PDB file of N, CA and C in Angstrom:
ATOM      1  N   UNK A   1      25.079 -33.898   2.170  1.00  0.00           N
ATOM      2  CA  UNK A   1      24.336 -32.917   2.320  1.00  0.00           C
ATOM      3  C   UNK A   1      25.465 -31.633   2.866  1.00  0.00           C
ATOM      4  N   UNK A   2      24.733 -30.716   2.213  1.00  0.00           N
ATOM      5  CA  UNK A   2      25.955 -29.253   2.388  1.00  0.00           C
ATOM      6  C   UNK A   2      25.795 -28.835   4.119  1.00  0.00           C
ATOM      7  N   UNK A   3      26.335 -28.006   4.439  1.00  0.00           N
ATOM      8  CA  UNK A   3      26.475 -27.856   6.024  1.00  0.00           C
ATOM      9  C   UNK A   3      25.990 -26.470   6.308  1.00  0.00           C
ATOM     10  N   UNK A   4      25.887 -25.439   7.191  1.00  0.00           N
ATOM     11  CA  UNK A   4      25.894 -24.241   7.427  1.00  0.00           C
ATOM     12  C   UNK A   4      26.638 -24.150   8.644  1.00  0.00           C
ATOM     13  N   UNK A   5      27.134 -22.873   8.997  1.00  0.00           N
ATOM     14  CA  UNK A   5      27.173 -22.286  10.103  1.00  0.00           C
ATOM     15  C   UNK A   5      26.228 -21.302  10.284  1.00  0.00           C
ATOM     16  N   UNK A   6      25.894 -21.407  11.595  1.00  0.00           N
ATOM     17  CA  UNK A   6      24.845 -20.647  12.295  1.00  0.00           C
ATOM     18  C   UNK A   6      25.194 -20.244  13.804  1.00  0.00           C
ATOM     19  N   UNK A   7      25.313 -18.528  13.482  1.00  0.00           N
ATOM     20  CA  UNK A   7      26.333 -17.645  14.734  1.00  0.00           C
ATOM     21  C   UNK A   7      24.829 -17.150  14.982  1.00  0.00           C
ATOM     22  N   UNK A   8      24.994 -16.958  16.564  1.00  0.00           N
ATOM     23  CA  UNK A   8      23.871 -16.077  17.385  1.00  0.00           C
ATOM     24  C   UNK A   8      24.531 -14.837  17.616  1.00  0.00           C
ATOM     25  N   UNK A   9      23.777 -13.488  17.015  1.00  0.00           N
ATOM     26  CA  UNK A   9      24.364 -12.357  16.809  1.00  0.00           C
ATOM     27  C   UNK A   9      23.452 -10.632  17.242  1.00  0.00           C
ATOM     28  N   UNK A  10      22.381 -11.932  17.834  1.00  0.00           N
ATOM     29  CA  UNK A  10      21.519 -10.743  18.873  1.00  0.00           C
ATOM     30  C   UNK A  10      21.033 -11.209  19.972  1.00  0.00           C
ATOM     31  N   UNK A  11      20.524 -10.772  21.249  1.00  0.00           N
ATOM     32  CA  UNK A  11      20.099 -11.251  22.117  1.00  0.00           C
ATOM     33  C   UNK A  11      18.375 -11.809  22.417  1.00  0.00           C
ATOM     34  N   UNK A  12      18.397 -12.935  23.043  1.00  0.00           N
ATOM     35  CA  UNK A  12      16.956 -12.925  22.670  1.00  0.00           C
ATOM     36  C   UNK A  12      15.576 -12.507  23.600  1.00  0.00           C
ATOM     37  N   UNK A  13      16.150 -11.465  24.631  1.00  0.00           N
ATOM     38  CA  UNK A  13      15.565 -10.522  25.243  1.00  0.00           C
ATOM     39  C   UNK A  13      14.770 -10.149  24.648  1.00  0.00           C
ATOM     40  N   UNK A  14      13.059  -9.827  25.293  1.00  0.00           N
ATOM     41  CA  UNK A  14      12.321  -9.447  24.518  1.00  0.00           C
ATOM     42  C   UNK A  14      12.106 -10.228  23.378  1.00  0.00           C
ATOM     43  N   UNK A  15      12.101 -11.662  23.045  1.00  0.00           N
ATOM     44  CA  UNK A  15      11.553 -12.142  22.677  1.00  0.00           C
ATOM     45  C   UNK A  15      10.498 -13.345  22.015  1.00  0.00           C
ATOM     46  N   UNK A  16       9.832 -13.433  21.390  1.00  0.00           N
ATOM     47  CA  UNK A  16       8.820 -14.438  21.899  1.00  0.00           C
ATOM     48  C   UNK A  16       9.388 -15.775  22.239  1.00  0.00           C
ATOM     49  N   UNK A  17       8.359 -16.448  23.217  1.00  0.00           N
ATOM     50  CA  UNK A  17       8.948 -17.731  23.677  1.00  0.00           C
ATOM     51  C   UNK A  17       9.012 -18.710  22.547  1.00  0.00           C
ATOM     52  N   UNK A  18       8.815 -18.892  21.194  1.00  0.00           N
ATOM     53  CA  UNK A  18       8.618 -20.072  20.306  1.00  0.00           C
ATOM     54  C   UNK A  18       9.652 -19.162  19.700  1.00  0.00           C
ATOM     55  N   UNK A  19      10.287 -17.811  19.394  1.00  0.00           N
ATOM     56  CA  UNK A  19      11.983 -17.595  19.344  1.00  0.00           C
ATOM     57  C   UNK A  19      13.288 -18.059  20.010  1.00  0.00           C
ATOM     58  N   UNK A  20      12.637 -18.233  21.348  1.00  0.00           N
ATOM     59  CA  UNK A  20      13.480 -18.815  22.065  1.00  0.00           C
ATOM     60  C   UNK A  20      13.503 -20.145  22.092  1.00  0.00           C
ATOM     61  N   UNK A  21      12.571 -20.559  22.020  1.00  0.00           N
ATOM     62  CA  UNK A  21      13.069 -22.488  21.766  1.00  0.00           C
ATOM     63  C   UNK A  21      13.430 -22.687  20.552  1.00  0.00           C
ATOM     64  N   UNK A  22      13.580 -21.603  19.192  1.00  0.00           N
ATOM     65  CA  UNK A  22      13.653 -22.168  18.484  1.00  0.00           C
ATOM     66  C   UNK A  22      15.553 -21.792  18.661  1.00  0.00           C
ATOM     67  N   UNK A  23      16.261 -21.018  18.785  1.00  0.00           N
ATOM     68  CA  UNK A  23      17.452 -20.907  19.178  1.00  0.00           C
ATOM     69  C   UNK A  23      17.981 -21.904  20.447  1.00  0.00           C
ATOM     70  N   UNK A  24      17.083 -22.249  21.451  1.00  0.00           N
ATOM     71  CA  UNK A  24      18.058 -23.112  22.017  1.00  0.00           C
ATOM     72  C   UNK A  24      18.374 -24.568  21.146  1.00  0.00           C
ATOM     73  N   UNK A  25      16.922 -24.654  20.299  1.00  0.00           N
ATOM     74  CA  UNK A  25      16.944 -26.087  19.701  1.00  0.00           C
ATOM     75  C   UNK A  25      18.311 -26.284  18.282  1.00  0.00           C
ATOM     76  N   UNK A  26      18.335 -25.021  17.983  1.00  0.00           N
ATOM     77  CA  UNK A  26      19.743 -24.525  16.961  1.00  0.00           C
ATOM     78  C   UNK A  26      21.161 -25.142  18.585  1.00  0.00           C
ATOM     79  N   UNK A  27      20.887 -25.160  19.622  1.00  0.00           N
ATOM     80  CA  UNK A  27      22.073 -25.255  20.107  1.00  0.00           C
ATOM     81  C   UNK A  27      22.853 -23.610  20.301  1.00  0.00           C
ATOM     82  N   UNK A  28      22.164 -22.387  20.257  1.00  0.00           N
ATOM     83  CA  UNK A  28      22.633 -21.531  20.547  1.00  0.00           C
ATOM     84  C   UNK A  28      21.955 -20.963  22.101  1.00  0.00           C
ATOM     85  N   UNK A  29      23.355 -20.454  22.909  1.00  0.00           N
ATOM     86  CA  UNK A  29      22.954 -19.773  24.050  1.00  0.00           C
ATOM     87  C   UNK A  29      23.406 -18.572  24.302  1.00  0.00           C
ATOM     88  N   UNK A  30      24.548 -18.510  23.671  1.00  0.00           N
ATOM     89  CA  UNK A  30      25.080 -17.016  24.140  1.00  0.00           C
ATOM     90  C   UNK A  30      25.665 -16.242  22.710  1.00  0.00           C
ATOM     91  N   UNK A  31      25.444 -15.236  22.602  1.00  0.00           N
ATOM     92  CA  UNK A  31      25.937 -13.722  21.234  1.00  0.00           C
ATOM     93  C   UNK A  31      27.130 -14.550  20.860  1.00  0.00           C
ATOM     94  N   UNK A  32      27.329 -14.538  19.819  1.00  0.00           N
ATOM     95  CA  UNK A  32      28.954 -15.324  19.563  1.00  0.00           C
ATOM     96  C   UNK A  32      29.111 -16.536  19.434  1.00  0.00           C
ATOM     97  N   UNK A  33      27.724 -17.604  19.227  1.00  0.00           N
ATOM     98  CA  UNK A  33      28.046 -18.804  19.833  1.00  0.00           C
ATOM     99  C   UNK A  33      27.882 -19.325  18.133  1.00  0.00           C
ATOM    100  N   UNK A  34      28.470 -20.059  17.774  1.00  0.00           N
ATOM    101  CA  UNK A  34      28.551 -20.889  16.216  1.00  0.00           C
ATOM    102  C   UNK A  34      28.079 -22.477  16.023  1.00  0.00           C
ATOM    103  N   UNK A  35      27.368 -22.766  15.885  1.00  0.00           N
ATOM    104  CA  UNK A  35      27.145 -24.250  15.489  1.00  0.00           C
ATOM    105  C   UNK A  35      26.921 -24.241  13.811  1.00  0.00           C
ATOM    106  N   UNK A  36      27.748 -26.035  14.030  1.00  0.00           N
ATOM    107  CA  UNK A  36      27.160 -26.501  12.285  1.00  0.00           C
ATOM    108  C   UNK A  36      26.369 -27.028  12.170  1.00  0.00           C
ATOM    109  N   UNK A  37      25.337 -27.163  11.470  1.00  0.00           N
ATOM    110  CA  UNK A  37      24.480 -28.107  11.499  1.00  0.00           C
ATOM    111  C   UNK A  37      24.217 -28.513   9.553  1.00  0.00           C
ATOM    112  N   UNK A  38      23.548 -29.660   9.425  1.00  0.00           N
ATOM    113  CA  UNK A  38      23.330 -30.117   7.782  1.00  0.00           C
ATOM    114  C   UNK A  38      22.096 -29.259   7.482  1.00  0.00           C
ATOM    115  N   UNK A  39      22.120 -29.002   5.991  1.00  0.00           N
ATOM    116  CA  UNK A  39      21.423 -27.613   5.085  1.00  0.00           C
ATOM    117  C   UNK A  39      19.894 -28.979   5.029  1.00  0.00           C
ATOM    118  N   UNK A  40      19.454 -28.942   6.067  1.00  0.00           N
ATOM    119  CA  UNK A  40      18.151 -30.039   5.823  1.00  0.00           C
ATOM    120  C   UNK A  40      16.942 -28.586   5.616  1.00  0.00           C
ATOM    121  N   UNK A  41      16.156 -29.296   5.397  1.00  0.00           N
ATOM    122  CA  UNK A  41      14.394 -28.210   5.445  1.00  0.00           C
ATOM    123  C   UNK A  41      14.135 -28.129   6.623  1.00  0.00           C
ATOM    124  N   UNK A  42      14.274 -28.623   7.780  1.00  0.00           N
ATOM    125  CA  UNK A  42      13.543 -28.508   8.884  1.00  0.00           C
ATOM    126  C   UNK A  42      14.689 -27.158   9.228  1.00  0.00           C
ATOM    127  N   UNK A  43      16.087 -27.408   9.497  1.00  0.00           N
ATOM    128  CA  UNK A  43      17.134 -26.437   9.874  1.00  0.00           C
ATOM    129  C   UNK A  43      16.658 -25.167   9.338  1.00  0.00           C
ATOM    130  N   UNK A  44      17.085 -25.328   7.994  1.00  0.00           N
ATOM    131  CA  UNK A  44      16.899 -23.961   7.034  1.00  0.00           C
ATOM    132  C   UNK A  44      15.088 -23.353   7.576  1.00  0.00           C
ATOM    133  N   UNK A  45      14.532 -24.291   7.952  1.00  0.00           N
ATOM    134  CA  UNK A  45      13.144 -23.758   8.673  1.00  0.00           C
ATOM    135  C   UNK A  45      13.366 -22.590   9.506  1.00  0.00           C
ATOM    136  N   UNK A  46      13.591 -23.630  10.551  1.00  0.00           N
ATOM    137  CA  UNK A  46      14.288 -22.766  11.901  1.00  0.00           C
ATOM    138  C   UNK A  46      15.116 -21.870  11.544  1.00  0.00           C
ATOM    139  N   UNK A  47      15.775 -21.789  10.860  1.00  0.00           N
ATOM    140  CA  UNK A  47      17.375 -20.482  10.892  1.00  0.00           C
ATOM    141  C   UNK A  47      16.252 -19.526  10.207  1.00  0.00           C
ATOM    142  N   UNK A  48      15.172 -19.208   9.126  1.00  0.00           N
ATOM    143  CA  UNK A  48      14.512 -18.677   8.638  1.00  0.00           C
ATOM    144  C   UNK A  48      13.758 -17.735   9.840  1.00  0.00           C
ATOM    145  N   UNK A  49      12.986 -18.365  11.046  1.00  0.00           N
ATOM    146  CA  UNK A  49      11.963 -17.953  11.845  1.00  0.00           C
ATOM    147  C   UNK A  49      12.851 -17.207  12.598  1.00  0.00           C
ATOM    148  N   UNK A  50      14.428 -17.433  12.898  1.00  0.00           N
ATOM    149  CA  UNK A  50      14.960 -16.106  13.747  1.00  0.00           C
ATOM    150  C   UNK A  50      16.081 -15.830  13.119  1.00  0.00           C
ATOM    151  N   UNK A  51      16.048 -15.487  12.172  1.00  0.00           N
ATOM    152  CA  UNK A  51      16.864 -14.668  10.306  1.00  0.00           C
ATOM    153  C   UNK A  51      17.455 -13.581  11.316  1.00  0.00           C
ATOM    154  N   UNK A  52      16.900 -13.112  12.013  1.00  0.00           N
ATOM    155  CA  UNK A  52      16.821 -11.506  12.320  1.00  0.00           C
ATOM    156  C   UNK A  52      18.051 -11.401  13.772  1.00  0.00           C
ATOM    157  N   UNK A  53      17.694 -12.514  14.327  1.00  0.00           N
ATOM    158  CA  UNK A  53      18.944 -12.819  15.076  1.00  0.00           C
ATOM    159  C   UNK A  53      20.449 -13.463  15.199  1.00  0.00           C
ATOM    160  N   UNK A  54      20.182 -14.023  14.202  1.00  0.00           N
ATOM    161  CA  UNK A  54      21.517 -14.874  13.874  1.00  0.00           C
ATOM    162  C   UNK A  54      21.588 -14.619  12.128  1.00  0.00           C
ATOM    163  N   UNK A  55      23.254 -15.049  11.843  1.00  0.00           N
ATOM    164  CA  UNK A  55      23.733 -15.038  10.935  1.00  0.00           C
ATOM    165  C   UNK A  55      23.956 -16.214  10.610  1.00  0.00           C
ATOM    166  N   UNK A  56      24.326 -16.487   9.047  1.00  0.00           N
ATOM    167  CA  UNK A  56      24.216 -17.768   8.480  1.00  0.00           C
ATOM    168  C   UNK A  56      25.368 -17.762   7.004  1.00  0.00           C
ATOM    169  N   UNK A  57      26.756 -18.626   7.125  1.00  0.00           N
ATOM    170  CA  UNK A  57      27.160 -19.112   6.185  1.00  0.00           C
ATOM    171  C   UNK A  57      27.877 -20.589   5.962  1.00  0.00           C
ATOM    172  N   UNK A  58      27.933 -20.583   4.485  1.00  0.00           N
ATOM    173  CA  UNK A  58      27.939 -22.022   3.932  1.00  0.00           C
ATOM    174  C   UNK A  58      29.486 -22.100   4.707  1.00  0.00           C
ATOM    175  N   UNK A  59      29.696 -24.312   5.335  1.00  0.00           N
ATOM    176  CA  UNK A  59      30.761 -24.181   5.806  1.00  0.00           C
ATOM    177  C   UNK A  59      31.497 -25.322   4.957  1.00  0.00           C
TER     178      UNK A  59
END
């Protein structure tokens, strides 16, 4: 499978609890932190829910 790099670029302050949980499940805690994930439908769905808080690039 393809890999993607997900980087947190905005804060989760004043966001819904659901969006905060999605960021946590992606492994993103601090701004600027980067995690690499497989491009599965589950991961892509989570990234879509918080697309305004993260940036994505192919690895």
